[in-house]
Amino acid sequence: MKTTVNLHDFRKAFHDCGRGSQFSHEALETIFEWIEQNEEDEGREWELDVIALCCELSEMTINEIIDAYDLEIDPDQNIYMQVADYISDNSTFIGDTPQGTFIFVQF
């Protein structure tokens, strides 16, 4: 048996599991779209597992990433691109939000 989940249901699932503050509203939309794109690309459906997503994915600001991963940033280059490249080189970059956070698979 299968239930189709829309963005509202997806966000509600996080709240229902007590994980409503794990990701920003915008990050949840980015994650939802990423999952939908993966389902389309892979030709298979994903099972919604809120706890697994909370354990696997992270949302951090540029400064949080720089601090957490002790990045050496070249001030003469675009900081956003340096951080995005670092995440892409070491993990799966899912997307970013208008608030300046990055969503990625933790590593």
N, C-alpha and C. Protein backbone atom coordinates (compact mmCIF):
# COMPACT_ATOMS: atom_id res chain seq x y z
N MET A 1 0.84 -1.17 0.00
CA MET A 1 0.00 0.00 0.00
C MET A 1 0.89 1.24 0.00
N LYS A 2 0.48 2.25 -0.71
CA LYS A 2 1.30 3.44 -0.89
C LYS A 2 0.45 4.68 -0.65
N THR A 3 1.06 5.71 -0.09
CA THR A 3 0.43 7.00 0.08
C THR A 3 1.27 8.03 -0.65
N THR A 4 0.64 8.84 -1.46
CA THR A 4 1.34 9.91 -2.15
C THR A 4 1.48 11.09 -1.19
N VAL A 5 2.69 11.63 -1.12
CA VAL A 5 2.98 12.72 -0.19
C VAL A 5 3.24 13.99 -0.99
N ASN A 6 2.53 15.06 -0.60
CA ASN A 6 2.82 16.37 -1.20
C ASN A 6 3.69 17.16 -0.23
N LEU A 7 4.06 18.37 -0.61
CA LEU A 7 4.96 19.17 0.21
C LEU A 7 4.37 19.44 1.59
N HIS A 8 3.08 19.73 1.66
CA HIS A 8 2.43 19.96 2.95
C HIS A 8 2.53 18.72 3.83
N ASP A 9 2.23 17.55 3.28
CA ASP A 9 2.32 16.29 4.03
C ASP A 9 3.75 16.03 4.49
N PHE A 10 4.71 16.35 3.63
CA PHE A 10 6.12 16.15 3.94
C PHE A 10 6.52 16.99 5.16
N ARG A 11 6.17 18.27 5.12
CA ARG A 11 6.48 19.15 6.25
C ARG A 11 5.77 18.68 7.52
N LYS A 12 4.53 18.28 7.38
CA LYS A 12 3.74 17.82 8.53
C LYS A 12 4.36 16.57 9.15
N ALA A 13 4.90 15.69 8.33
CA ALA A 13 5.54 14.47 8.84
C ALA A 13 6.70 14.81 9.77
N PHE A 14 7.45 15.85 9.46
CA PHE A 14 8.56 16.27 10.32
C PHE A 14 8.02 16.80 11.65
N HIS A 15 6.97 17.60 11.57
CA HIS A 15 6.37 18.13 12.80
C HIS A 15 5.77 17.01 13.65
N ASP A 16 5.10 16.08 13.01
CA ASP A 16 4.47 14.96 13.72
C ASP A 16 5.49 14.07 14.42
N CYS A 17 6.71 14.02 13.89
CA CYS A 17 7.78 13.22 14.50
C CYS A 17 8.59 14.02 15.52
N GLY A 18 8.16 15.24 15.81
CA GLY A 18 8.90 16.07 16.74
C GLY A 18 10.18 16.64 16.15
N ARG A 19 10.27 16.67 14.83
CA ARG A 19 11.46 17.18 14.14
C ARG A 19 11.15 18.42 13.31
N GLY A 20 10.13 19.15 13.72
CA GLY A 20 9.70 20.33 12.97
C GLY A 20 10.73 21.43 12.88
N SER A 21 11.66 21.46 13.82
CA SER A 21 12.67 22.52 13.80
C SER A 21 14.03 22.02 13.30
N GLN A 22 14.08 20.78 12.83
CA GLN A 22 15.33 20.22 12.33
C GLN A 22 15.84 20.97 11.11
N PHE A 23 14.91 21.38 10.25
CA PHE A 23 15.24 22.10 9.02
C PHE A 23 14.32 23.31 8.89
N SER A 24 14.79 24.32 8.20
CA SER A 24 13.95 25.49 7.94
C SER A 24 12.84 25.10 6.97
N HIS A 25 11.83 25.95 6.92
CA HIS A 25 10.69 25.73 6.02
C HIS A 25 11.18 25.59 4.58
N GLU A 26 12.11 26.47 4.20
CA GLU A 26 12.65 26.46 2.84
C GLU A 26 13.51 25.23 2.58
N ALA A 27 14.27 24.80 3.59
CA ALA A 27 15.10 23.61 3.43
C ALA A 27 14.24 22.37 3.22
N LEU A 28 13.13 22.28 3.93
CA LEU A 28 12.24 21.13 3.74
C LEU A 28 11.71 21.09 2.31
N GLU A 29 11.42 22.24 1.75
CA GLU A 29 10.97 22.27 0.36
C GLU A 29 12.08 21.81 -0.58
N THR A 30 13.31 22.25 -0.32
CA THR A 30 14.45 21.84 -1.14
C THR A 30 14.68 20.33 -1.04
N ILE A 31 14.58 19.79 0.16
CA ILE A 31 14.75 18.34 0.36
C ILE A 31 13.64 17.58 -0.36
N PHE A 32 12.41 18.06 -0.22
CA PHE A 32 11.27 17.42 -0.89
C PHE A 32 11.49 17.37 -2.40
N GLU A 33 11.90 18.50 -2.98
CA GLU A 33 12.14 18.55 -4.43
C GLU A 33 13.30 17.65 -4.83
N TRP A 34 14.33 17.57 -4.00
CA TRP A 34 15.47 16.69 -4.27
C TRP A 34 15.02 15.23 -4.29
N ILE A 35 14.20 14.85 -3.31
CA ILE A 35 13.70 13.47 -3.27
C ILE A 35 12.85 13.18 -4.50
N GLU A 36 11.96 14.09 -4.85
CA GLU A 36 11.13 13.88 -6.04
C GLU A 36 11.98 13.73 -7.30
N GLN A 37 13.01 14.55 -7.43
CA GLN A 37 13.89 14.46 -8.59
C GLN A 37 14.63 13.12 -8.61
N ASN A 38 15.08 12.67 -7.45
CA ASN A 38 15.76 11.38 -7.37
C ASN A 38 14.80 10.24 -7.72
N GLU A 39 13.57 10.33 -7.28
CA GLU A 39 12.59 9.30 -7.62
C GLU A 39 12.39 9.24 -9.13
N GLU A 40 12.30 10.40 -9.75
CA GLU A 40 12.12 10.46 -11.20
C GLU A 40 13.36 9.93 -11.93
N ASP A 41 14.54 10.36 -11.49
CA ASP A 41 15.78 9.94 -12.14
C ASP A 41 16.03 8.44 -11.99
N GLU A 42 15.73 7.91 -10.81
CA GLU A 42 16.00 6.50 -10.51
C GLU A 42 14.86 5.57 -10.91
N GLY A 43 13.69 6.14 -11.16
CA GLY A 43 12.53 5.33 -11.52
C GLY A 43 12.03 4.47 -10.38
N ARG A 44 12.25 4.91 -9.15
CA ARG A 44 11.75 4.16 -7.99
C ARG A 44 11.27 5.14 -6.94
N GLU A 45 10.32 4.68 -6.13
CA GLU A 45 9.77 5.52 -5.08
C GLU A 45 10.59 5.38 -3.81
N TRP A 46 10.69 6.46 -3.07
CA TRP A 46 11.38 6.46 -1.78
C TRP A 46 10.34 6.31 -0.67
N GLU A 47 10.73 5.68 0.40
CA GLU A 47 9.88 5.63 1.58
C GLU A 47 10.24 6.82 2.45
N LEU A 48 9.22 7.53 2.93
CA LEU A 48 9.47 8.69 3.79
C LEU A 48 9.86 8.23 5.18
N ASP A 49 11.09 8.49 5.54
CA ASP A 49 11.62 8.15 6.86
C ASP A 49 12.24 9.43 7.44
N VAL A 50 11.44 10.14 8.22
CA VAL A 50 11.85 11.44 8.76
C VAL A 50 13.12 11.32 9.59
N ILE A 51 13.17 10.33 10.46
CA ILE A 51 14.33 10.18 11.34
C ILE A 51 15.59 9.92 10.52
N ALA A 52 15.51 9.07 9.52
CA ALA A 52 16.67 8.79 8.67
C ALA A 52 17.13 10.06 7.95
N LEU A 53 16.19 10.85 7.44
CA LEU A 53 16.56 12.10 6.76
C LEU A 53 17.22 13.06 7.74
N CYS A 54 16.71 13.12 8.97
CA CYS A 54 17.31 14.00 9.98
C CYS A 54 18.72 13.55 10.35
N CYS A 55 18.95 12.27 10.33
CA CYS A 55 20.29 11.74 10.65
C CYS A 55 21.26 11.89 9.47
N GLU A 56 20.72 11.82 8.27
CA GLU A 56 21.57 11.81 7.07
C GLU A 56 21.87 13.21 6.53
N LEU A 57 20.91 14.12 6.65
CA LEU A 57 21.04 15.43 6.02
C LEU A 57 21.34 16.53 7.04
N SER A 58 21.92 17.59 6.56
CA SER A 58 22.25 18.72 7.42
C SER A 58 21.92 20.02 6.70
N GLU A 59 21.54 21.01 7.48
CA GLU A 59 21.35 22.37 6.98
C GLU A 59 22.22 23.28 7.82
N MET A 60 23.15 23.97 7.16
CA MET A 60 24.08 24.84 7.87
C MET A 60 24.32 26.12 7.08
N THR A 61 24.67 27.17 7.81
CA THR A 61 25.07 28.42 7.15
C THR A 61 26.50 28.26 6.65
N ILE A 62 26.90 29.19 5.81
CA ILE A 62 28.27 29.18 5.29
C ILE A 62 29.27 29.23 6.45
N ASN A 63 29.04 30.12 7.41
CA ASN A 63 29.97 30.24 8.53
C ASN A 63 29.99 28.98 9.40
N GLU A 64 28.85 28.33 9.58
CA GLU A 64 28.81 27.08 10.35
C GLU A 64 29.63 25.99 9.65
N ILE A 65 29.54 25.94 8.33
CA ILE A 65 30.30 24.95 7.56
C ILE A 65 31.79 25.25 7.66
N ILE A 66 32.15 26.50 7.50
CA ILE A 66 33.57 26.90 7.60
C ILE A 66 34.12 26.49 8.96
N ASP A 67 33.37 26.76 10.02
CA ASP A 67 33.82 26.41 11.38
C ASP A 67 33.83 24.90 11.61
N ALA A 68 32.76 24.22 11.22
CA ALA A 68 32.63 22.78 11.48
C ALA A 68 33.69 21.96 10.76
N TYR A 69 34.05 22.38 9.54
CA TYR A 69 35.00 21.61 8.73
C TYR A 69 36.36 22.29 8.65
N ASP A 70 36.55 23.33 9.45
CA ASP A 70 37.83 24.04 9.55
C ASP A 70 38.37 24.40 8.16
N LEU A 71 37.51 25.02 7.35
CA LEU A 71 37.90 25.36 5.97
C LEU A 71 38.80 26.58 5.94
N GLU A 72 39.76 26.53 5.07
CA GLU A 72 40.61 27.68 4.81
C GLU A 72 40.05 28.37 3.57
N ILE A 73 39.53 29.56 3.78
CA ILE A 73 38.87 30.29 2.71
C ILE A 73 39.81 31.35 2.14
N ASP A 74 39.87 31.41 0.82
CA ASP A 74 40.66 32.43 0.13
C ASP A 74 39.78 33.68 0.02
N PRO A 75 40.14 34.77 0.71
CA PRO A 75 39.31 35.96 0.70
C PRO A 75 39.20 36.63 -0.68
N ASP A 76 40.07 36.27 -1.59
CA ASP A 76 40.04 36.85 -2.94
C ASP A 76 39.09 36.11 -3.87
N GLN A 77 38.53 34.98 -3.40
CA GLN A 77 37.61 34.19 -4.22
C GLN A 77 36.22 34.22 -3.59
N ASN A 78 35.23 33.86 -4.37
CA ASN A 78 33.85 33.83 -3.91
C ASN A 78 33.69 32.80 -2.79
N ILE A 79 33.30 33.25 -1.61
CA ILE A 79 33.18 32.36 -0.45
C ILE A 79 32.08 31.33 -0.68
N TYR A 80 30.95 31.77 -1.23
CA TYR A 80 29.85 30.85 -1.51
C TYR A 80 30.33 29.70 -2.38
N MET A 81 31.02 30.01 -3.45
CA MET A 81 31.48 28.97 -4.37
C MET A 81 32.52 28.06 -3.72
N GLN A 82 33.39 28.60 -2.89
CA GLN A 82 34.38 27.77 -2.21
C GLN A 82 33.70 26.75 -1.30
N VAL A 83 32.69 27.20 -0.56
CA VAL A 83 31.98 26.30 0.36
C VAL A 83 31.15 25.29 -0.44
N ALA A 84 30.46 25.76 -1.47
CA ALA A 84 29.66 24.86 -2.32
C ALA A 84 30.55 23.80 -2.97
N ASP A 85 31.71 24.20 -3.46
CA ASP A 85 32.64 23.25 -4.06
C ASP A 85 33.14 22.24 -3.04
N TYR A 86 33.43 22.71 -1.83
CA TYR A 86 33.90 21.81 -0.77
C TYR A 86 32.85 20.75 -0.47
N ILE A 87 31.61 21.18 -0.33
CA ILE A 87 30.52 20.23 -0.05
C ILE A 87 30.36 19.26 -1.21
N SER A 88 30.35 19.78 -2.43
CA SER A 88 30.18 18.92 -3.61
C SER A 88 31.31 17.92 -3.76
N ASP A 89 32.52 18.32 -3.38
CA ASP A 89 33.68 17.42 -3.48
C ASP A 89 33.67 16.33 -2.41
N ASN A 90 33.02 16.59 -1.28
CA ASN A 90 33.08 15.68 -0.15
C ASN A 90 31.76 15.00 0.20
N SER A 91 30.69 15.42 -0.46
CA SER A 91 29.38 14.90 -0.09
C SER A 91 28.42 15.10 -1.25
N THR A 92 27.14 15.01 -0.95
CA THR A 92 26.10 15.31 -1.92
C THR A 92 25.48 16.65 -1.55
N PHE A 93 25.63 17.62 -2.43
CA PHE A 93 25.05 18.94 -2.24
C PHE A 93 23.60 18.88 -2.72
N ILE A 94 22.66 19.13 -1.82
CA ILE A 94 21.24 19.04 -2.16
C ILE A 94 20.72 20.38 -2.66
N GLY A 95 21.15 21.45 -2.03
CA GLY A 95 20.70 22.77 -2.46
C GLY A 95 20.96 23.81 -1.40
N ASP A 96 20.47 25.00 -1.65
CA ASP A 96 20.60 26.07 -0.68
C ASP A 96 19.27 26.79 -0.56
N THR A 97 19.19 27.67 0.42
CA THR A 97 17.96 28.40 0.65
C THR A 97 18.21 29.89 0.45
N PRO A 98 17.16 30.67 0.27
CA PRO A 98 17.33 32.12 0.15
C PRO A 98 17.96 32.75 1.40
N GLN A 99 17.86 32.07 2.54
CA GLN A 99 18.43 32.57 3.77
C GLN A 99 19.93 32.30 3.88
N GLY A 100 20.49 31.60 2.89
CA GLY A 100 21.93 31.37 2.85
C GLY A 100 22.39 30.11 3.52
N THR A 101 21.49 29.17 3.74
CA THR A 101 21.91 27.89 4.30
C THR A 101 22.10 26.88 3.17
N PHE A 102 22.96 25.91 3.44
CA PHE A 102 23.23 24.82 2.52
C PHE A 102 22.61 23.55 3.08
N ILE A 103 22.03 22.73 2.22
CA ILE A 103 21.51 21.44 2.61
C ILE A 103 22.35 20.40 1.91
N PHE A 104 22.85 19.43 2.69
CA PHE A 104 23.75 18.42 2.12
C PHE A 104 23.72 17.16 2.96
N VAL A 105 24.23 16.08 2.38
CA VAL A 105 24.38 14.83 3.09
C VAL A 105 25.57 14.99 4.04
N GLN A 106 25.35 14.69 5.32
CA GLN A 106 26.41 14.86 6.30
C GLN A 106 27.60 13.96 5.98
N PHE A 107 28.78 14.43 6.32
CA PHE A 107 30.00 13.66 6.12
C PHE A 107 30.96 13.91 7.23
